[in-house]
N, C-alpha and C. Protein backbone atom coordinates (compact mmCIF):
# COMPACT_ATOMS: atom_id res chain seq x y z
N MET A 1 22.27 -8.50 17.58
CA MET A 1 20.94 -8.94 16.94
C MET A 1 20.73 -10.29 16.83
N LYS A 2 21.62 -11.23 16.49
CA LYS A 2 21.69 -12.42 16.30
C LYS A 2 20.89 -13.18 17.39
N GLN A 3 20.64 -12.91 18.64
CA GLN A 3 20.41 -13.28 19.85
C GLN A 3 18.86 -13.06 19.72
N LEU A 4 18.38 -12.25 18.95
CA LEU A 4 17.04 -12.03 18.81
C LEU A 4 16.22 -12.84 17.45
N GLN A 5 17.18 -13.30 16.81
CA GLN A 5 16.61 -14.34 15.66
C GLN A 5 15.79 -15.53 16.12
N GLU A 6 14.76 -15.86 15.29
CA GLU A 6 14.02 -17.00 15.59
C GLU A 6 14.71 -17.99 14.16
N LYS A 7 14.73 -19.46 14.39
CA LYS A 7 15.04 -20.05 13.23
C LYS A 7 13.78 -21.12 12.87
N VAL A 8 13.51 -21.06 11.73
CA VAL A 8 12.16 -21.89 11.03
C VAL A 8 12.71 -23.33 11.31
N ILE A 9 12.15 -24.04 12.05
CA ILE A 9 12.60 -25.53 11.84
C ILE A 9 11.61 -26.60 11.10
N HIS A 10 10.19 -25.85 10.59
CA HIS A 10 9.55 -26.69 10.05
C HIS A 10 8.32 -25.45 9.32
N SER A 11 8.00 -25.79 8.14
CA SER A 11 7.03 -24.91 7.57
C SER A 11 5.85 -25.61 6.90
N GLU A 12 4.56 -25.08 6.85
CA GLU A 12 3.82 -25.86 6.21
C GLU A 12 2.68 -24.72 5.63
N ARG A 13 2.59 -24.97 4.42
CA ARG A 13 1.49 -24.06 3.68
C ARG A 13 0.17 -24.57 3.88
N VAL A 14 -0.73 -23.88 4.48
CA VAL A 14 -2.12 -24.26 4.70
C VAL A 14 -3.21 -23.51 3.87
N PHE A 15 -2.63 -22.59 3.18
CA PHE A 15 -3.76 -22.09 2.26
C PHE A 15 -3.05 -21.31 1.22
N THR A 16 -3.78 -21.73 -0.12
CA THR A 16 -3.14 -21.06 -1.11
C THR A 16 -4.20 -20.08 -2.09
N GLY A 17 -4.11 -18.88 -2.12
CA GLY A 17 -5.31 -18.11 -2.64
C GLY A 17 -4.72 -17.42 -4.07
N ARG A 18 -5.56 -16.45 -4.48
CA ARG A 18 -5.21 -15.67 -5.64
C ARG A 18 -4.32 -14.66 -5.19
N VAL A 19 -4.37 -13.70 -3.88
CA VAL A 19 -3.86 -12.58 -3.57
C VAL A 19 -2.79 -13.01 -2.60
N VAL A 20 -3.24 -13.94 -1.58
CA VAL A 20 -2.31 -14.27 -0.38
C VAL A 20 -2.23 -15.75 -0.23
N ASN A 21 -0.90 -16.41 0.47
CA ASN A 21 -1.05 -17.52 0.64
C ASN A 21 -0.71 -17.48 2.51
N LEU A 22 -1.06 -18.57 3.08
CA LEU A 22 -0.84 -18.57 4.57
C LEU A 22 0.00 -19.96 5.03
N ARG A 23 1.01 -19.59 5.50
CA ARG A 23 1.78 -20.57 6.00
C ARG A 23 2.11 -20.75 7.57
N VAL A 24 2.25 -21.84 8.26
CA VAL A 24 2.52 -21.77 9.50
C VAL A 24 3.91 -22.48 9.71
N ASP A 25 4.86 -21.37 10.37
CA ASP A 25 6.12 -21.90 10.61
C ASP A 25 6.34 -22.35 12.19
N THR A 26 6.99 -23.39 12.38
CA THR A 26 7.44 -23.67 13.69
C THR A 26 8.84 -23.06 13.78
N VAL A 27 8.91 -22.37 14.97
CA VAL A 27 10.42 -21.86 15.09
C VAL A 27 10.95 -22.04 16.53
N ARG A 28 12.39 -22.07 16.32
CA ARG A 28 13.03 -22.04 17.78
C ARG A 28 13.48 -20.75 18.05
N LEU A 29 13.03 -20.29 19.27
CA LEU A 29 13.26 -19.22 20.00
C LEU A 29 14.77 -19.07 20.64
N PRO A 30 15.19 -18.01 20.67
CA PRO A 30 16.53 -17.62 21.17
C PRO A 30 16.70 -18.51 22.23
N ASN A 31 15.73 -18.68 23.37
CA ASN A 31 15.94 -19.27 24.35
C ASN A 31 15.85 -20.91 24.41
N GLY A 32 15.85 -21.43 23.08
CA GLY A 32 15.64 -22.59 22.80
C GLY A 32 14.22 -23.25 22.84
N LYS A 33 13.25 -22.50 23.17
CA LYS A 33 11.80 -23.23 23.23
C LYS A 33 11.34 -22.81 21.58
N THR A 34 10.25 -23.59 21.53
CA THR A 34 9.55 -23.37 20.09
C THR A 34 8.18 -22.87 20.42
N SER A 35 8.04 -22.28 19.09
CA SER A 35 6.58 -21.66 19.06
C SER A 35 6.18 -21.54 17.51
N GLN A 36 5.05 -21.23 17.24
CA GLN A 36 4.22 -21.04 15.93
C GLN A 36 4.16 -19.51 15.46
N ARG A 37 4.37 -19.65 14.39
CA ARG A 37 4.21 -18.27 13.65
C ARG A 37 3.31 -18.52 12.49
N GLU A 38 2.27 -17.68 12.17
CA GLU A 38 1.15 -17.56 11.02
C GLU A 38 1.66 -16.77 10.19
N ILE A 39 2.24 -16.75 9.12
CA ILE A 39 2.74 -15.93 7.96
C ILE A 39 1.80 -15.89 6.74
N VAL A 40 1.37 -14.74 6.51
CA VAL A 40 0.57 -14.39 5.37
C VAL A 40 1.68 -14.07 4.13
N GLU A 41 1.82 -14.84 3.15
CA GLU A 41 2.58 -14.48 2.17
C GLU A 41 2.02 -13.56 1.01
N HIS A 42 2.67 -12.55 0.51
CA HIS A 42 2.07 -11.58 -0.20
C HIS A 42 3.06 -11.06 -1.13
N ARG A 43 2.81 -10.95 -2.54
CA ARG A 43 4.13 -10.73 -3.62
C ARG A 43 4.33 -9.09 -3.37
N GLY A 44 3.67 -8.33 -2.71
CA GLY A 44 3.94 -6.88 -2.60
C GLY A 44 2.88 -6.03 -3.26
N ALA A 45 3.01 -4.69 -3.26
CA ALA A 45 1.88 -3.94 -3.68
C ALA A 45 2.60 -2.36 -3.68
N VAL A 46 1.75 -1.51 -4.47
CA VAL A 46 2.23 -0.37 -4.48
C VAL A 46 1.11 0.65 -3.95
N ALA A 47 1.40 1.85 -3.67
CA ALA A 47 0.44 2.96 -3.34
C ALA A 47 0.99 4.09 -4.11
N ILE A 48 0.11 4.99 -4.65
CA ILE A 48 0.42 6.23 -5.20
C ILE A 48 -0.24 7.45 -4.98
N VAL A 49 0.65 8.56 -4.53
CA VAL A 49 -0.04 9.79 -4.04
C VAL A 49 -0.17 10.80 -5.38
N PRO A 50 -1.17 10.60 -6.14
CA PRO A 50 -1.16 11.54 -7.41
C PRO A 50 -1.49 12.96 -7.01
N LEU A 51 -0.63 13.72 -7.29
CA LEU A 51 -1.01 15.28 -7.12
C LEU A 51 -1.40 15.98 -8.61
N LEU A 52 -2.61 16.68 -8.46
CA LEU A 52 -3.00 17.27 -9.51
C LEU A 52 -2.00 18.77 -9.78
N ASP A 53 -1.82 19.04 -8.45
CA ASP A 53 -0.94 20.22 -8.40
C ASP A 53 -0.46 20.09 -6.95
N ASP A 54 0.54 21.20 -6.26
CA ASP A 54 0.94 20.98 -5.08
C ASP A 54 0.14 20.93 -4.08
N GLU A 55 -1.19 21.49 -4.20
CA GLU A 55 -2.14 21.63 -3.08
C GLU A 55 -3.44 20.59 -3.37
N THR A 56 -3.47 19.70 -4.42
CA THR A 56 -4.36 18.68 -4.42
C THR A 56 -4.04 17.26 -4.91
N VAL A 57 -4.54 16.48 -4.18
CA VAL A 57 -4.26 15.09 -4.32
C VAL A 57 -5.55 14.38 -4.73
N LEU A 58 -5.51 13.44 -5.87
CA LEU A 58 -6.51 12.65 -6.29
C LEU A 58 -6.49 11.14 -5.37
N MET A 59 -7.80 10.98 -4.65
CA MET A 59 -7.92 10.01 -3.90
C MET A 59 -8.94 8.93 -4.37
N ILE A 60 -9.16 7.80 -3.67
CA ILE A 60 -10.25 6.95 -4.30
C ILE A 60 -11.17 6.64 -2.88
N ARG A 61 -12.35 6.67 -2.99
CA ARG A 61 -13.29 6.14 -2.04
C ARG A 61 -13.42 4.46 -2.59
N GLN A 62 -13.60 3.52 -1.73
CA GLN A 62 -14.10 2.48 -2.01
C GLN A 62 -14.19 1.52 -0.85
N PHE A 63 -15.38 0.58 -1.22
CA PHE A 63 -15.93 -0.28 -0.02
C PHE A 63 -14.78 -1.44 0.29
N ARG A 64 -14.40 -1.68 1.51
CA ARG A 64 -13.35 -2.51 2.09
C ARG A 64 -14.32 -3.67 2.74
N LEU A 65 -14.37 -4.58 2.19
CA LEU A 65 -15.42 -5.76 2.88
C LEU A 65 -14.83 -6.16 4.32
N ALA A 66 -13.46 -6.38 4.27
CA ALA A 66 -12.69 -6.86 5.68
C ALA A 66 -12.84 -5.86 6.76
N VAL A 67 -13.15 -4.67 6.67
CA VAL A 67 -13.53 -3.89 7.69
C VAL A 67 -14.98 -3.37 7.48
N ASN A 68 -15.76 -3.66 6.25
CA ASN A 68 -17.20 -3.25 6.24
C ASN A 68 -17.25 -1.84 6.22
N GLU A 69 -16.50 -1.12 5.67
CA GLU A 69 -16.51 0.22 5.42
C GLU A 69 -16.15 0.84 3.93
N VAL A 70 -16.77 1.98 3.84
CA VAL A 70 -16.12 2.79 2.77
C VAL A 70 -14.82 3.64 3.11
N LEU A 71 -13.78 3.37 2.38
CA LEU A 71 -12.58 4.14 2.92
C LEU A 71 -12.03 5.13 1.83
N LEU A 72 -11.44 6.13 2.53
CA LEU A 72 -10.86 7.24 1.60
C LEU A 72 -9.33 6.95 1.48
N GLU A 73 -8.83 6.52 0.36
CA GLU A 73 -7.53 6.16 0.24
C GLU A 73 -6.86 6.69 -0.85
N VAL A 74 -5.32 6.58 -0.95
CA VAL A 74 -4.73 6.70 -2.17
C VAL A 74 -5.01 5.56 -2.84
N PRO A 75 -4.73 5.66 -4.41
CA PRO A 75 -4.77 4.38 -5.42
C PRO A 75 -3.71 3.48 -4.74
N ALA A 76 -3.91 2.32 -5.10
CA ALA A 76 -2.95 1.43 -4.79
C ALA A 76 -3.38 -0.21 -5.33
N GLY A 77 -2.35 -0.82 -5.50
CA GLY A 77 -2.48 -2.22 -6.12
C GLY A 77 -1.77 -3.19 -5.88
N THR A 78 -1.81 -4.46 -6.06
CA THR A 78 -0.80 -5.61 -5.97
C THR A 78 0.08 -5.90 -7.32
N LEU A 79 1.41 -6.01 -6.84
CA LEU A 79 2.27 -6.39 -7.91
C LEU A 79 1.90 -7.51 -8.78
N GLU A 80 2.17 -7.62 -10.05
CA GLU A 80 1.99 -8.95 -10.77
C GLU A 80 3.38 -9.65 -10.28
N PRO A 81 3.34 -10.87 -10.76
CA PRO A 81 4.67 -11.70 -10.46
C PRO A 81 5.94 -10.97 -11.17
N ASP A 82 6.88 -10.97 -10.69
CA ASP A 82 8.20 -10.20 -11.29
C ASP A 82 7.81 -8.85 -11.85
N GLU A 83 6.76 -8.36 -11.48
CA GLU A 83 6.57 -6.74 -12.15
C GLU A 83 7.44 -5.67 -11.04
N PRO A 84 8.16 -4.97 -11.97
CA PRO A 84 8.74 -3.75 -10.99
C PRO A 84 7.82 -2.91 -10.57
N PRO A 85 8.14 -2.49 -9.35
CA PRO A 85 7.26 -1.61 -8.50
C PRO A 85 6.66 -0.27 -9.41
N GLU A 86 7.47 0.38 -10.06
CA GLU A 86 7.31 1.52 -10.85
C GLU A 86 6.57 1.13 -11.83
N ILE A 87 6.52 0.26 -12.52
CA ILE A 87 5.51 -0.21 -13.62
C ILE A 87 4.28 -0.45 -12.95
N CYS A 88 4.17 -1.07 -11.76
CA CYS A 88 2.95 -1.29 -11.18
C CYS A 88 2.15 -0.09 -11.05
N ALA A 89 2.89 0.89 -10.31
CA ALA A 89 2.37 2.22 -9.92
C ALA A 89 1.98 2.93 -11.05
N ALA A 90 2.67 2.86 -12.18
CA ALA A 90 2.10 3.50 -13.38
C ALA A 90 0.69 2.90 -13.74
N ARG A 91 0.64 1.62 -13.78
CA ARG A 91 -0.39 0.87 -14.23
C ARG A 91 -1.51 1.05 -13.42
N GLU A 92 -1.56 0.88 -11.98
CA GLU A 92 -2.70 0.93 -10.94
C GLU A 92 -3.05 2.65 -10.99
N LEU A 93 -2.05 3.53 -11.36
CA LEU A 93 -2.76 5.01 -11.29
C LEU A 93 -3.71 5.34 -12.27
N GLU A 94 -3.35 4.75 -13.70
CA GLU A 94 -4.21 4.95 -14.50
C GLU A 94 -5.28 4.32 -14.50
N GLU A 95 -5.30 2.81 -14.24
CA GLU A 95 -6.47 1.81 -14.04
C GLU A 95 -7.63 2.48 -12.93
N GLU A 96 -7.21 3.11 -12.03
CA GLU A 96 -7.85 3.51 -10.66
C GLU A 96 -8.53 5.08 -11.03
N THR A 97 -7.80 5.80 -11.36
CA THR A 97 -8.05 7.55 -11.44
C THR A 97 -8.30 7.82 -13.16
N GLY A 98 -7.59 7.15 -13.91
CA GLY A 98 -7.56 7.61 -15.30
C GLY A 98 -6.77 8.75 -15.52
N TYR A 99 -5.73 8.93 -14.71
CA TYR A 99 -4.59 9.61 -15.02
C TYR A 99 -3.19 8.98 -15.26
N ARG A 100 -2.46 9.62 -15.89
CA ARG A 100 -0.92 9.16 -16.11
C ARG A 100 -0.05 10.17 -15.57
N ALA A 101 1.08 9.67 -15.23
CA ALA A 101 1.86 10.45 -14.42
C ALA A 101 3.41 10.83 -15.25
N ASN A 102 3.45 11.90 -15.71
CA ASN A 102 4.60 12.35 -16.30
C ASN A 102 5.93 12.09 -15.53
N THR A 103 5.78 12.33 -14.19
CA THR A 103 6.87 12.19 -13.27
C THR A 103 6.19 11.03 -12.05
N LEU A 104 6.91 10.21 -11.85
CA LEU A 104 6.85 9.12 -11.05
C LEU A 104 8.11 9.17 -10.00
N ARG A 105 7.88 9.23 -8.78
CA ARG A 105 9.19 9.29 -7.61
C ARG A 105 8.60 8.38 -6.27
N LYS A 106 9.81 7.70 -6.39
CA LYS A 106 9.53 6.44 -5.31
C LYS A 106 9.88 7.45 -4.03
N LEU A 107 8.75 7.27 -2.92
CA LEU A 107 9.16 7.91 -1.59
C LEU A 107 9.72 6.91 -0.64
N PHE A 108 9.12 5.74 -0.54
CA PHE A 108 9.69 4.94 0.41
C PHE A 108 8.94 3.38 0.19
N SER A 109 9.56 2.66 0.97
CA SER A 109 8.87 1.25 1.07
C SER A 109 8.62 0.83 2.49
N GLN A 110 7.64 0.12 2.84
CA GLN A 110 7.20 -0.28 4.27
C GLN A 110 6.63 -1.48 4.32
N TYR A 111 6.88 -2.23 5.55
CA TYR A 111 5.94 -3.45 5.69
C TYR A 111 4.91 -2.93 6.46
N LEU A 112 3.57 -3.63 6.15
CA LEU A 112 2.33 -3.27 6.49
C LEU A 112 2.18 -3.63 7.83
N ALA A 113 2.47 -5.08 8.10
CA ALA A 113 2.09 -5.88 9.32
C ALA A 113 3.12 -6.91 9.44
N PRO A 114 4.34 -6.63 9.95
CA PRO A 114 5.23 -7.66 9.88
C PRO A 114 5.41 -8.33 10.71
N GLY A 115 4.22 -8.48 11.66
CA GLY A 115 4.06 -9.30 12.73
C GLY A 115 3.53 -10.74 12.26
N TYR A 116 2.70 -10.80 11.19
CA TYR A 116 2.22 -11.95 10.46
C TYR A 116 2.23 -11.78 8.95
N SER A 117 2.67 -10.66 8.45
CA SER A 117 2.65 -10.69 6.75
C SER A 117 4.14 -10.27 6.28
N GLN A 118 4.49 -10.72 5.23
CA GLN A 118 5.72 -10.39 4.64
C GLN A 118 5.51 -9.44 3.53
N GLU A 119 4.45 -8.89 3.42
CA GLU A 119 3.95 -7.88 2.47
C GLU A 119 4.65 -6.53 2.51
N ILE A 120 5.38 -6.00 1.53
CA ILE A 120 6.03 -4.96 1.50
C ILE A 120 5.44 -4.01 0.49
N LEU A 121 5.27 -2.43 0.69
CA LEU A 121 4.48 -1.66 -0.09
C LEU A 121 5.34 -0.44 -0.34
N HIS A 122 5.39 -0.26 -1.50
CA HIS A 122 6.38 0.77 -2.23
C HIS A 122 5.57 1.89 -2.61
N VAL A 123 5.60 3.09 -2.02
CA VAL A 123 4.77 4.34 -2.22
C VAL A 123 5.56 5.09 -3.25
N PHE A 124 4.88 5.84 -4.17
CA PHE A 124 5.19 6.71 -5.20
C PHE A 124 4.34 7.83 -5.07
N LEU A 125 4.90 8.93 -5.44
CA LEU A 125 4.64 10.33 -5.73
C LEU A 125 4.49 10.49 -7.11
N ALA A 126 3.07 10.79 -7.55
CA ALA A 126 2.76 11.10 -9.12
C ALA A 126 2.54 12.48 -9.12
N GLN A 127 3.08 13.13 -10.24
CA GLN A 127 3.12 14.56 -10.48
C GLN A 127 2.84 14.72 -12.05
N HIS A 128 2.57 15.94 -12.39
CA HIS A 128 2.56 16.47 -13.86
C HIS A 128 1.59 15.10 -14.43
N LEU A 129 0.43 15.25 -14.02
CA LEU A 129 -0.50 14.22 -14.44
C LEU A 129 -1.31 14.55 -15.69
N GLU A 130 -1.60 13.70 -16.59
CA GLU A 130 -2.34 13.92 -18.06
C GLU A 130 -3.72 12.88 -17.85
N LYS A 131 -4.76 13.53 -18.30
CA LYS A 131 -5.94 12.73 -18.24
C LYS A 131 -5.81 11.78 -19.22
N THR A 132 -6.16 10.33 -18.69
CA THR A 132 -6.33 9.48 -19.81
C THR A 132 -7.89 8.88 -19.80
N ALA A 133 -7.69 7.62 -19.36
CA ALA A 133 -9.20 6.89 -19.22
C ALA A 133 -9.00 5.85 -18.01
N GLN A 134 -9.94 5.77 -17.30
CA GLN A 134 -10.02 4.90 -15.95
C GLN A 134 -10.25 3.63 -16.67
N ARG A 135 -9.26 2.50 -16.16
CA ARG A 135 -9.50 1.22 -16.70
C ARG A 135 -9.61 0.20 -15.61
N MET A 136 -10.61 0.22 -14.76
CA MET A 136 -10.65 -0.73 -13.51
C MET A 136 -10.66 -2.19 -14.12
N GLU A 137 -10.30 -3.07 -13.05
CA GLU A 137 -10.59 -4.15 -13.29
C GLU A 137 -12.21 -4.71 -13.07
N GLU A 138 -12.53 -5.74 -13.40
CA GLU A 138 -13.86 -6.27 -13.33
C GLU A 138 -14.65 -6.32 -11.84
N ASP A 139 -13.56 -6.46 -10.71
CA ASP A 139 -14.03 -6.69 -9.37
C ASP A 139 -13.60 -5.46 -8.73
N GLU A 140 -13.48 -4.23 -9.39
CA GLU A 140 -12.96 -2.95 -8.73
C GLU A 140 -14.24 -1.94 -8.74
N ASN A 141 -14.63 -1.26 -7.98
CA ASN A 141 -15.64 -0.17 -7.95
C ASN A 141 -15.01 0.81 -6.97
N VAL A 142 -14.53 2.12 -7.63
CA VAL A 142 -14.04 2.97 -6.85
C VAL A 142 -14.48 4.47 -7.52
N GLU A 143 -14.41 5.32 -6.38
CA GLU A 143 -14.98 6.94 -7.00
C GLU A 143 -13.88 7.72 -6.57
N VAL A 144 -13.45 8.56 -7.71
CA VAL A 144 -12.19 9.04 -7.86
C VAL A 144 -12.73 10.79 -7.32
N VAL A 145 -11.76 11.02 -6.23
CA VAL A 145 -12.33 12.45 -5.62
C VAL A 145 -10.80 13.11 -5.42
N SER A 146 -10.93 14.42 -5.93
CA SER A 146 -9.92 15.34 -5.54
C SER A 146 -10.06 16.07 -4.07
N VAL A 147 -8.88 16.12 -3.25
CA VAL A 147 -8.96 16.64 -1.86
C VAL A 147 -7.86 17.42 -1.68
N PRO A 148 -7.93 18.68 -1.08
CA PRO A 148 -6.91 19.58 -1.05
C PRO A 148 -5.91 18.74 -0.05
N LEU A 149 -4.76 18.90 -0.20
CA LEU A 149 -3.76 18.03 0.44
C LEU A 149 -3.87 18.34 2.01
N HIS A 150 -3.85 19.61 2.30
CA HIS A 150 -4.28 20.03 3.81
C HIS A 150 -5.32 19.34 4.47
N ARG A 151 -6.28 19.41 3.61
CA ARG A 151 -7.64 18.74 4.17
C ARG A 151 -7.40 17.27 4.28
N ALA A 152 -6.52 16.56 3.18
CA ALA A 152 -6.57 15.12 3.53
C ALA A 152 -5.84 14.87 4.95
N VAL A 153 -4.60 15.45 5.04
CA VAL A 153 -3.93 15.66 6.52
C VAL A 153 -4.57 15.92 7.61
N GLU A 154 -5.77 16.88 7.68
CA GLU A 154 -6.57 17.02 8.78
C GLU A 154 -7.44 15.71 8.79
N LEU A 155 -7.74 15.04 7.56
CA LEU A 155 -8.61 14.04 7.73
C LEU A 155 -7.59 12.80 8.47
N VAL A 156 -6.60 12.68 8.14
CA VAL A 156 -5.66 12.00 8.89
C VAL A 156 -5.47 12.11 10.33
N LEU A 157 -5.23 13.33 10.77
CA LEU A 157 -5.32 13.77 12.44
C LEU A 157 -6.26 13.77 12.84
N SER A 158 -7.70 13.79 12.32
CA SER A 158 -8.83 13.62 13.13
C SER A 158 -9.34 12.20 13.15
N GLY A 159 -8.56 11.20 12.56
CA GLY A 159 -8.71 9.79 12.55
C GLY A 159 -10.01 9.30 11.57
N GLU A 160 -10.29 10.41 10.57
CA GLU A 160 -11.36 9.84 9.71
C GLU A 160 -10.65 9.05 8.37
N ILE A 161 -9.28 9.32 8.03
CA ILE A 161 -8.49 8.57 7.36
C ILE A 161 -7.76 7.46 8.16
N ARG A 162 -8.15 6.08 8.07
CA ARG A 162 -7.75 4.95 8.90
C ARG A 162 -6.98 4.18 8.03
N ASP A 163 -6.63 4.11 6.91
CA ASP A 163 -5.83 3.21 5.98
C ASP A 163 -4.58 3.42 6.28
N ALA A 164 -3.71 2.49 6.82
CA ALA A 164 -2.20 2.89 7.08
C ALA A 164 -1.49 2.99 5.88
N LYS A 165 -1.49 2.65 4.66
CA LYS A 165 -0.76 3.05 3.54
C LYS A 165 -1.10 4.36 3.23
N THR A 166 -2.49 4.97 3.34
CA THR A 166 -2.84 6.21 3.01
C THR A 166 -2.15 7.07 4.06
N ILE A 167 -2.21 6.89 5.29
CA ILE A 167 -1.71 7.84 6.23
C ILE A 167 -0.19 8.28 6.15
N ALA A 168 0.55 6.86 5.95
CA ALA A 168 2.11 7.18 5.89
C ALA A 168 2.11 7.75 4.48
N ALA A 169 1.56 7.66 3.48
CA ALA A 169 1.78 8.18 2.13
C ALA A 169 1.56 9.92 2.09
N LEU A 170 0.22 10.15 2.73
CA LEU A 170 -0.08 11.72 2.66
C LEU A 170 0.81 12.38 3.65
N LEU A 171 1.21 11.95 4.85
CA LEU A 171 2.20 12.55 5.72
C LEU A 171 3.56 12.90 5.31
N VAL A 172 4.05 11.82 4.55
CA VAL A 172 5.26 11.80 3.87
C VAL A 172 5.35 13.10 2.87
N THR A 173 4.07 12.92 2.03
CA THR A 173 4.03 13.84 0.86
C THR A 173 4.10 15.15 1.39
N HIS A 174 2.82 15.49 2.50
CA HIS A 174 2.78 16.58 3.11
C HIS A 174 4.34 17.19 3.56
N TYR A 175 5.03 16.35 4.11
CA TYR A 175 6.40 16.85 4.79
C TYR A 175 7.41 17.21 3.67
N LEU A 176 7.22 16.16 2.58
CA LEU A 176 8.32 16.75 1.50
C LEU A 176 7.98 17.88 0.86
N LEU A 177 6.72 18.36 0.65
CA LEU A 177 5.98 19.41 -0.18
C LEU A 177 6.59 20.81 0.78
N ALA A 178 6.31 20.53 2.11
CA ALA A 178 6.34 21.64 2.93
C ALA A 178 7.92 21.97 3.15
N ASN A 179 8.89 20.99 2.91
CA ASN A 179 10.03 21.04 3.14
C ASN A 179 10.77 21.14 1.68
N ARG A 180 10.06 21.01 0.61
CA ARG A 180 10.83 20.95 -0.64
C ARG A 180 12.02 20.24 -0.86
N ARG A 181 11.53 19.05 -0.76
CA ARG A 181 12.91 18.01 -0.86
C ARG A 181 12.66 17.40 -2.21
């Protein structure tokens, strides 16, 4: 494995933003040559699969400017500095959907785009939901929709759901419920 590792010999931050930073690293490759890597720094995020019951998932529709489309997604959000993922998941669920989970279970963590980003996403299953109030941030505009889980999986398989976190979260949830794990 060590023969695959690259060594950073210089690093320069070229952009500092509210959500992401961008740095350019000069690396020494295992063959001795050098190259550059553009790295997006991100403090991490959560995604939540909120189940109203074993057959119905709460999802959100929202416009994503980066792809210029309205996407159907599971609720998600960025971690605050030093915020534990489970606290962020509970907060984001209530903010975006207006529901609180009495049971919140971590399913998995995944890197979203490790070729250029260090962002890690923690995915949770939220069950035994209780209605509260939606408390979206000023720059959020989402529509909450309930979708039968089997239909959401069909939308993944047909290519209508194209958001990576949503695809992984729904398929893992469907598998776990089908196998009662």
